[in-house]
Amino acid sequence: MRELKIRYRGSVLGFLWTLLIPLFMAGIYIVFLRLLAGRGVPMAEVIIGVFAWQFTVQSVNSGLHSVTGNANLVKKV
C-alpha cells in the first residue's frame, strides 16, 4: 500500500488509477472483439482476466526492480 501511495503521489486521481487502467484495457479488448471480430464477449471474464494479468505483470516487475535496485545486497549473498 505504501508503494502505491508513493507511486501515485501528486496524481489527480491517485489510487484510482490502479483500478482505471485495467478497466480501460478491458474496455478496449471488449470493443475490439465486438466490433472487429463480430462476436459476443463475456465482459466479466475479460475484466477478471485483465485484472489478473495486470497484477501478474506488476508483481513480476516489482520483484525485478527489488532485485536490481538492491544489487549490492544480492552480491553479498
PDB file of N, CA and C in Angstrom:
ATOM      1  N   MET A   1       0.820  -1.186   0.000  1.00  0.00           N
ATOM      2  CA  MET A   1       0.000   0.000   0.000  1.00  0.00           C
ATOM      3  C   MET A   1       0.866   1.253   0.000  1.00  0.00           C
ATOM      4  N   ARG A   2       1.974   1.196   0.728  1.00  0.00           N
ATOM      5  CA  ARG A   2       2.870   2.348   0.798  1.00  0.00           C
ATOM      6  C   ARG A   2       3.445   2.663  -0.578  1.00  0.00           C
ATOM      7  N   GLU A   3       3.775   1.597  -1.339  1.00  0.00           N
ATOM      8  CA  GLU A   3       4.331   1.808  -2.676  1.00  0.00           C
ATOM      9  C   GLU A   3       3.311   2.461  -3.602  1.00  0.00           C
ATOM     10  N   LEU A   4       2.043   2.080  -3.468  1.00  0.00           N
ATOM     11  CA  LEU A   4       1.014   2.699  -4.294  1.00  0.00           C
ATOM     12  C   LEU A   4       0.835   4.170  -3.951  1.00  0.00           C
ATOM     13  N   LYS A   5       0.912   4.502  -2.671  1.00  0.00           N
ATOM     14  CA  LYS A   5       0.800   5.905  -2.269  1.00  0.00           C
ATOM     15  C   LYS A   5       1.952   6.720  -2.840  1.00  0.00           C
ATOM     16  N   ILE A   6       3.152   6.161  -2.799  1.00  0.00           N
ATOM     17  CA  ILE A   6       4.317   6.855  -3.348  1.00  0.00           C
ATOM     18  C   ILE A   6       4.202   6.963  -4.860  1.00  0.00           C
ATOM     19  N   ARG A   7       3.750   5.890  -5.502  1.00  0.00           N
ATOM     20  CA  ARG A   7       3.668   5.847  -6.960  1.00  0.00           C
ATOM     21  C   ARG A   7       2.703   6.895  -7.513  1.00  0.00           C
ATOM     22  N   TYR A   8       1.572   7.074  -6.844  1.00  0.00           N
ATOM     23  CA  TYR A   8       0.546   7.972  -7.361  1.00  0.00           C
ATOM     24  C   TYR A   8       0.469   9.294  -6.613  1.00  0.00           C
ATOM     25  N   ARG A   9       1.502   9.631  -5.849  1.00  0.00           N
ATOM     26  CA  ARG A   9       1.530  10.911  -5.146  1.00  0.00           C
ATOM     27  C   ARG A   9       1.564  12.042  -6.172  1.00  0.00           C
ATOM     28  N   GLY A  10       0.739  13.026  -5.978  1.00  0.00           N
ATOM     29  CA  GLY A  10       0.698  14.165  -6.884  1.00  0.00           C
ATOM     30  C   GLY A  10      -0.187  13.944  -8.098  1.00  0.00           C
ATOM     31  N   SER A  11      -0.722  12.757  -8.266  1.00  0.00           N
ATOM     32  CA  SER A  11      -1.604  12.457  -9.381  1.00  0.00           C
ATOM     33  C   SER A  11      -3.012  12.943  -9.053  1.00  0.00           C
ATOM     34  N   VAL A  12      -3.726  13.368 -10.066  1.00  0.00           N
ATOM     35  CA  VAL A  12      -5.068  13.893  -9.860  1.00  0.00           C
ATOM     36  C   VAL A  12      -6.004  12.805  -9.322  1.00  0.00           C
ATOM     37  N   LEU A  13      -5.952  11.619  -9.901  1.00  0.00           N
ATOM     38  CA  LEU A  13      -6.855  10.549  -9.485  1.00  0.00           C
ATOM     39  C   LEU A  13      -6.247   9.625  -8.439  1.00  0.00           C
ATOM     40  N   GLY A  14      -4.956   9.723  -8.219  1.00  0.00           N
ATOM     41  CA  GLY A  14      -4.301   8.950  -7.171  1.00  0.00           C
ATOM     42  C   GLY A  14      -4.465   7.453  -7.311  1.00  0.00           C
ATOM     43  N   PHE A  15      -4.878   6.811  -6.216  1.00  0.00           N
ATOM     44  CA  PHE A  15      -5.009   5.358  -6.156  1.00  0.00           C
ATOM     45  C   PHE A  15      -6.026   4.821  -7.163  1.00  0.00           C
ATOM     46  N   LEU A  16      -6.946   5.659  -7.598  1.00  0.00           N
ATOM     47  CA  LEU A  16      -7.972   5.239  -8.549  1.00  0.00           C
ATOM     48  C   LEU A  16      -7.368   4.746  -9.863  1.00  0.00           C
ATOM     49  N   TRP A  17      -6.168   5.211 -10.208  1.00  0.00           N
ATOM     50  CA  TRP A  17      -5.502   4.745 -11.422  1.00  0.00           C
ATOM     51  C   TRP A  17      -5.263   3.236 -11.394  1.00  0.00           C
ATOM     52  N   THR A  18      -5.063   2.681 -10.206  1.00  0.00           N
ATOM     53  CA  THR A  18      -4.841   1.246 -10.081  1.00  0.00           C
ATOM     54  C   THR A  18      -6.040   0.461 -10.600  1.00  0.00           C
ATOM     55  N   LEU A  19      -7.219   1.022 -10.486  1.00  0.00           N
ATOM     56  CA  LEU A  19      -8.425   0.364 -10.989  1.00  0.00           C
ATOM     57  C   LEU A  19      -8.784   0.800 -12.402  1.00  0.00           C
ATOM     58  N   LEU A  20      -8.523   2.053 -12.727  1.00  0.00           N
ATOM     59  CA  LEU A  20      -8.937   2.578 -14.027  1.00  0.00           C
ATOM     60  C   LEU A  20      -8.137   2.009 -15.195  1.00  0.00           C
ATOM     61  N   ILE A  21      -6.853   1.821 -15.021  1.00  0.00           N
ATOM     62  CA  ILE A  21      -6.024   1.329 -16.124  1.00  0.00           C
ATOM     63  C   ILE A  21      -6.490  -0.048 -16.600  1.00  0.00           C
ATOM     64  N   PRO A  22      -6.671  -1.036 -15.706  1.00  0.00           N
ATOM     65  CA  PRO A  22      -7.189  -2.322 -16.187  1.00  0.00           C
ATOM     66  C   PRO A  22      -8.607  -2.228 -16.762  1.00  0.00           C
ATOM     67  N   LEU A  23      -9.442  -1.345 -16.211  1.00  0.00           N
ATOM     68  CA  LEU A  23     -10.792  -1.192 -16.762  1.00  0.00           C
ATOM     69  C   LEU A  23     -10.755  -0.612 -18.171  1.00  0.00           C
ATOM     70  N   PHE A  24      -9.876   0.359 -18.416  1.00  0.00           N
ATOM     71  CA  PHE A  24      -9.720   0.902 -19.765  1.00  0.00           C
ATOM     72  C   PHE A  24      -9.220  -0.172 -20.726  1.00  0.00           C
ATOM     73  N   MET A  25      -8.255  -0.959 -20.285  1.00  0.00           N
ATOM     74  CA  MET A  25      -7.736  -2.035 -21.136  1.00  0.00           C
ATOM     75  C   MET A  25      -8.822  -3.056 -21.453  1.00  0.00           C
ATOM     76  N   ALA A  26      -9.608  -3.432 -20.452  1.00  0.00           N
ATOM     77  CA  ALA A  26     -10.700  -4.381 -20.671  1.00  0.00           C
ATOM     78  C   ALA A  26     -11.717  -3.795 -21.644  1.00  0.00           C
ATOM     79  N   GLY A  27     -12.014  -2.516 -21.503  1.00  0.00           N
ATOM     80  CA  GLY A  27     -12.940  -1.862 -22.423  1.00  0.00           C
ATOM     81  C   GLY A  27     -12.447  -1.891 -23.855  1.00  0.00           C
ATOM     82  N   ILE A  28     -11.158  -1.672 -24.046  1.00  0.00           N
ATOM     83  CA  ILE A  28     -10.582  -1.721 -25.390  1.00  0.00           C
ATOM     84  C   ILE A  28     -10.686  -3.126 -25.962  1.00  0.00           C
ATOM     85  N   TYR A  29     -10.368  -4.138 -25.159  1.00  0.00           N
ATOM     86  CA  TYR A  29     -10.491  -5.522 -25.622  1.00  0.00           C
ATOM     87  C   TYR A  29     -11.933  -5.852 -26.003  1.00  0.00           C
ATOM     88  N   ILE A  30     -12.875  -5.439 -25.183  1.00  0.00           N
ATOM     89  CA  ILE A  30     -14.280  -5.745 -25.447  1.00  0.00           C
ATOM     90  C   ILE A  30     -14.739  -5.072 -26.732  1.00  0.00           C
ATOM     91  N   VAL A  31     -14.411  -3.796 -26.906  1.00  0.00           N
ATOM     92  CA  VAL A  31     -14.793  -3.078 -28.127  1.00  0.00           C
ATOM     93  C   VAL A  31     -14.140  -3.718 -29.339  1.00  0.00           C
ATOM     94  N   PHE A  32     -12.865  -4.045 -29.232  1.00  0.00           N
ATOM     95  CA  PHE A  32     -12.148  -4.665 -30.346  1.00  0.00           C
ATOM     96  C   PHE A  32     -12.790  -5.993 -30.733  1.00  0.00           C
ATOM     97  N   LEU A  33     -13.071  -6.832 -29.761  1.00  0.00           N
ATOM     98  CA  LEU A  33     -13.631  -8.146 -30.066  1.00  0.00           C
ATOM     99  C   LEU A  33     -15.065  -8.063 -30.571  1.00  0.00           C
ATOM    100  N   ARG A  34     -15.835  -7.108 -30.074  1.00  0.00           N
ATOM    101  CA  ARG A  34     -17.225  -6.990 -30.527  1.00  0.00           C
ATOM    102  C   ARG A  34     -17.327  -6.366 -31.913  1.00  0.00           C
ATOM    103  N   LEU A  35     -16.569  -5.308 -32.163  1.00  0.00           N
ATOM    104  CA  LEU A  35     -16.692  -4.600 -33.435  1.00  0.00           C
ATOM    105  C   LEU A  35     -15.908  -5.271 -34.554  1.00  0.00           C
ATOM    106  N   LEU A  36     -14.678  -5.624 -34.286  1.00  0.00           N
ATOM    107  CA  LEU A  36     -13.837  -6.148 -35.351  1.00  0.00           C
ATOM    108  C   LEU A  36     -13.959  -7.654 -35.528  1.00  0.00           C
ATOM    109  N   ALA A  37     -14.105  -8.381 -34.450  1.00  0.00           N
ATOM    110  CA  ALA A  37     -14.220  -9.832 -34.560  1.00  0.00           C
ATOM    111  C   ALA A  37     -15.672 -10.258 -34.741  1.00  0.00           C
ATOM    112  N   GLY A  38     -16.596  -9.383 -34.394  1.00  0.00           N
ATOM    113  CA  GLY A  38     -18.003  -9.661 -34.604  1.00  0.00           C
ATOM    114  C   GLY A  38     -18.578 -10.755 -33.722  1.00  0.00           C
ATOM    115  N   ARG A  39     -18.031 -10.918 -32.527  1.00  0.00           N
ATOM    116  CA  ARG A  39     -18.592 -11.928 -31.639  1.00  0.00           C
ATOM    117  C   ARG A  39     -18.835 -11.339 -30.260  1.00  0.00           C
ATOM    118  N   GLY A  40     -19.761 -11.958 -29.582  1.00  0.00           N
ATOM    119  CA  GLY A  40     -20.059 -11.526 -28.224  1.00  0.00           C
ATOM    120  C   GLY A  40     -18.950 -11.950 -27.275  1.00  0.00           C
ATOM    121  N   VAL A  41     -18.698 -11.120 -26.314  1.00  0.00           N
ATOM    122  CA  VAL A  41     -17.622 -11.389 -25.367  1.00  0.00           C
ATOM    123  C   VAL A  41     -18.185 -11.289 -23.958  1.00  0.00           C
ATOM    124  N   PRO A  42     -17.925 -12.293 -23.120  1.00  0.00           N
ATOM    125  CA  PRO A  42     -18.356 -12.176 -21.724  1.00  0.00           C
ATOM    126  C   PRO A  42     -17.518 -11.126 -20.998  1.00  0.00           C
ATOM    127  N   MET A  43     -18.145 -10.004 -20.672  1.00  0.00           N
ATOM    128  CA  MET A  43     -17.409  -8.877 -20.095  1.00  0.00           C
ATOM    129  C   MET A  43     -16.750  -9.219 -18.770  1.00  0.00           C
ATOM    130  N   ALA A  44     -17.429  -9.977 -17.930  1.00  0.00           N
ATOM    131  CA  ALA A  44     -16.862 -10.307 -16.618  1.00  0.00           C
ATOM    132  C   ALA A  44     -15.558 -11.082 -16.769  1.00  0.00           C
ATOM    133  N   GLU A  45     -15.523 -12.020 -17.710  1.00  0.00           N
ATOM    134  CA  GLU A  45     -14.310 -12.812 -17.913  1.00  0.00           C
ATOM    135  C   GLU A  45     -13.158 -11.956 -18.432  1.00  0.00           C
ATOM    136  N   VAL A  46     -13.449 -11.041 -19.329  1.00  0.00           N
ATOM    137  CA  VAL A  46     -12.406 -10.161 -19.857  1.00  0.00           C
ATOM    138  C   VAL A  46     -11.869  -9.263 -18.749  1.00  0.00           C
ATOM    139  N   ILE A  47     -12.747  -8.685 -17.959  1.00  0.00           N
ATOM    140  CA  ILE A  47     -12.319  -7.785 -16.883  1.00  0.00           C
ATOM    141  C   ILE A  47     -11.487  -8.535 -15.851  1.00  0.00           C
ATOM    142  N   ILE A  48     -11.938  -9.720 -15.449  1.00  0.00           N
ATOM    143  CA  ILE A  48     -11.180 -10.514 -14.478  1.00  0.00           C
ATOM    144  C   ILE A  48      -9.830 -10.910 -15.053  1.00  0.00           C
ATOM    145  N   GLY A  49      -9.806 -11.296 -16.315  1.00  0.00           N
ATOM    146  CA  GLY A  49      -8.548 -11.673 -16.959  1.00  0.00           C
ATOM    147  C   GLY A  49      -7.560 -10.521 -17.035  1.00  0.00           C
ATOM    148  N   VAL A  50      -8.045  -9.337 -17.379  1.00  0.00           N
ATOM    149  CA  VAL A  50      -7.159  -8.171 -17.468  1.00  0.00           C
ATOM    150  C   VAL A  50      -6.633  -7.794 -16.086  1.00  0.00           C
ATOM    151  N   PHE A  51      -7.486  -7.827 -15.070  1.00  0.00           N
ATOM    152  CA  PHE A  51      -7.020  -7.535 -13.709  1.00  0.00           C
ATOM    153  C   PHE A  51      -5.975  -8.550 -13.261  1.00  0.00           C
ATOM    154  N   ALA A  52      -6.206  -9.835 -13.552  1.00  0.00           N
ATOM    155  CA  ALA A  52      -5.237 -10.869 -13.175  1.00  0.00           C
ATOM    156  C   ALA A  52      -3.918 -10.665 -13.910  1.00  0.00           C
ATOM    157  N   TRP A  53      -3.994 -10.337 -15.197  1.00  0.00           N
ATOM    158  CA  TRP A  53      -2.779 -10.108 -15.981  1.00  0.00           C
ATOM    159  C   TRP A  53      -2.007  -8.895 -15.452  1.00  0.00           C
ATOM    160  N   GLN A  54      -2.692  -7.804 -15.171  1.00  0.00           N
ATOM    161  CA  GLN A  54      -2.032  -6.609 -14.653  1.00  0.00           C
ATOM    162  C   GLN A  54      -1.390  -6.871 -13.297  1.00  0.00           C
ATOM    163  N   PHE A  55      -2.069  -7.636 -12.442  1.00  0.00           N
ATOM    164  CA  PHE A  55      -1.499  -7.983 -11.144  1.00  0.00           C
ATOM    165  C   PHE A  55      -0.220  -8.798 -11.326  1.00  0.00           C
ATOM    166  N   THR A  56      -0.248  -9.763 -12.254  1.00  0.00           N
ATOM    167  CA  THR A  56       0.929 -10.595 -12.512  1.00  0.00           C
ATOM    168  C   THR A  56       2.084  -9.756 -13.039  1.00  0.00           C
ATOM    169  N   VAL A  57       1.812  -8.897 -13.991  1.00  0.00           N
ATOM    170  CA  VAL A  57       2.858  -8.053 -14.577  1.00  0.00           C
ATOM    171  C   VAL A  57       3.458  -7.132 -13.522  1.00  0.00           C
ATOM    172  N   GLN A  58       2.622  -6.505 -12.718  1.00  0.00           N
ATOM    173  CA  GLN A  58       3.133  -5.602 -11.683  1.00  0.00           C
ATOM    174  C   GLN A  58       3.923  -6.356 -10.621  1.00  0.00           C
ATOM    175  N   SER A  59       3.499  -7.568 -10.300  1.00  0.00           N
ATOM    176  CA  SER A  59       4.228  -8.364  -9.307  1.00  0.00           C
ATOM    177  C   SER A  59       5.611  -8.747  -9.812  1.00  0.00           C
ATOM    178  N   VAL A  60       5.683  -9.193 -11.062  1.00  0.00           N
ATOM    179  CA  VAL A  60       6.975  -9.571 -11.639  1.00  0.00           C
ATOM    180  C   VAL A  60       7.879  -8.352 -11.747  1.00  0.00           C
ATOM    181  N   ASN A  61       7.336  -7.234 -12.216  1.00  0.00           N
ATOM    182  CA  ASN A  61       8.146  -6.019 -12.338  1.00  0.00           C
ATOM    183  C   ASN A  61       8.630  -5.516 -10.983  1.00  0.00           C
ATOM    184  N   SER A  62       7.779  -5.578  -9.971  1.00  0.00           N
ATOM    185  CA  SER A  62       8.193  -5.139  -8.632  1.00  0.00           C
ATOM    186  C   SER A  62       9.310  -6.017  -8.093  1.00  0.00           C
ATOM    187  N   GLY A  63       9.193  -7.318  -8.297  1.00  0.00           N
ATOM    188  CA  GLY A  63      10.251  -8.229  -7.860  1.00  0.00           C
ATOM    189  C   GLY A  63      11.551  -7.975  -8.587  1.00  0.00           C
ATOM    190  N   LEU A  64      11.463  -7.745  -9.891  1.00  0.00           N
ATOM    191  CA  LEU A  64      12.661  -7.460 -10.681  1.00  0.00           C
ATOM    192  C   LEU A  64      13.325  -6.172 -10.229  1.00  0.00           C
ATOM    193  N   HIS A  65      12.525  -5.137  -9.991  1.00  0.00           N
ATOM    194  CA  HIS A  65      13.085  -3.864  -9.538  1.00  0.00           C
ATOM    195  C   HIS A  65      13.672  -3.974  -8.133  1.00  0.00           C
ATOM    196  N   SER A  66      13.102  -4.837  -7.313  1.00  0.00           N
ATOM    197  CA  SER A  66      13.660  -5.043  -5.971  1.00  0.00           C
ATOM    198  C   SER A  66      15.046  -5.661  -6.050  1.00  0.00           C
ATOM    199  N   VAL A  67      15.199  -6.622  -6.940  1.00  0.00           N
ATOM    200  CA  VAL A  67      16.499  -7.287  -7.082  1.00  0.00           C
ATOM    201  C   VAL A  67      17.516  -6.353  -7.721  1.00  0.00           C
ATOM    202  N   THR A  68      17.143  -5.691  -8.813  1.00  0.00           N
ATOM    203  CA  THR A  68      18.101  -4.809  -9.486  1.00  0.00           C
ATOM    204  C   THR A  68      18.396  -3.557  -8.669  1.00  0.00           C
ATOM    205  N   GLY A  69      17.420  -3.087  -7.916  1.00  0.00           N
ATOM    206  CA  GLY A  69      17.626  -1.900  -7.089  1.00  0.00           C
ATOM    207  C   GLY A  69      18.488  -2.158  -5.868  1.00  0.00           C
ATOM    208  N   ASN A  70      18.586  -3.407  -5.466  1.00  0.00           N
ATOM    209  CA  ASN A  70      19.396  -3.781  -4.304  1.00  0.00           C
ATOM    210  C   ASN A  70      20.505  -4.740  -4.716  1.00  0.00           C
ATOM    211  N   ALA A  71      21.156  -4.419  -5.810  1.00  0.00           N
ATOM    212  CA  ALA A  71      22.205  -5.294  -6.339  1.00  0.00           C
ATOM    213  C   ALA A  71      23.333  -5.490  -5.339  1.00  0.00           C
ATOM    214  N   ASN A  72      23.628  -4.476  -4.550  1.00  0.00           N
ATOM    215  CA  ASN A  72      24.704  -4.615  -3.563  1.00  0.00           C
ATOM    216  C   ASN A  72      24.371  -5.681  -2.522  1.00  0.00           C
ATOM    217  N   LEU A  73      23.112  -5.821  -2.160  1.00  0.00           N
ATOM    218  CA  LEU A  73      22.717  -6.868  -1.217  1.00  0.00           C
ATOM    219  C   LEU A  73      22.768  -8.248  -1.866  1.00  0.00           C
ATOM    220  N   VAL A  74      22.410  -8.309  -3.142  1.00  0.00           N
ATOM    221  CA  VAL A  74      22.436  -9.588  -3.851  1.00  0.00           C
ATOM    222  C   VAL A  74      23.872 -10.070  -3.998  1.00  0.00           C
ATOM    223  N   LYS A  75      24.802  -9.160  -4.227  1.00  0.00           N
ATOM    224  CA  LYS A  75      26.209  -9.542  -4.379  1.00  0.00           C
ATOM    225  C   LYS A  75      26.786 -10.094  -3.084  1.00  0.00           C
ATOM    226  N   LYS A  76      26.264  -9.655  -1.948  1.00  0.00           N
ATOM    227  CA  LYS A  76      26.766 -10.137  -0.661  1.00  0.00           C
ATOM    228  C   LYS A  76      26.341 -11.573  -0.381  1.00  0.00           C
ATOM    229  N   VAL A  77      25.284 -12.011  -1.019  1.00  0.00           N
ATOM    230  CA  VAL A  77      24.762 -13.359  -0.752  1.00  0.00           C
ATOM    231  C   VAL A  77      25.531 -14.371  -1.482  1.00  0.00           C
TER     232      VAL A  77
END
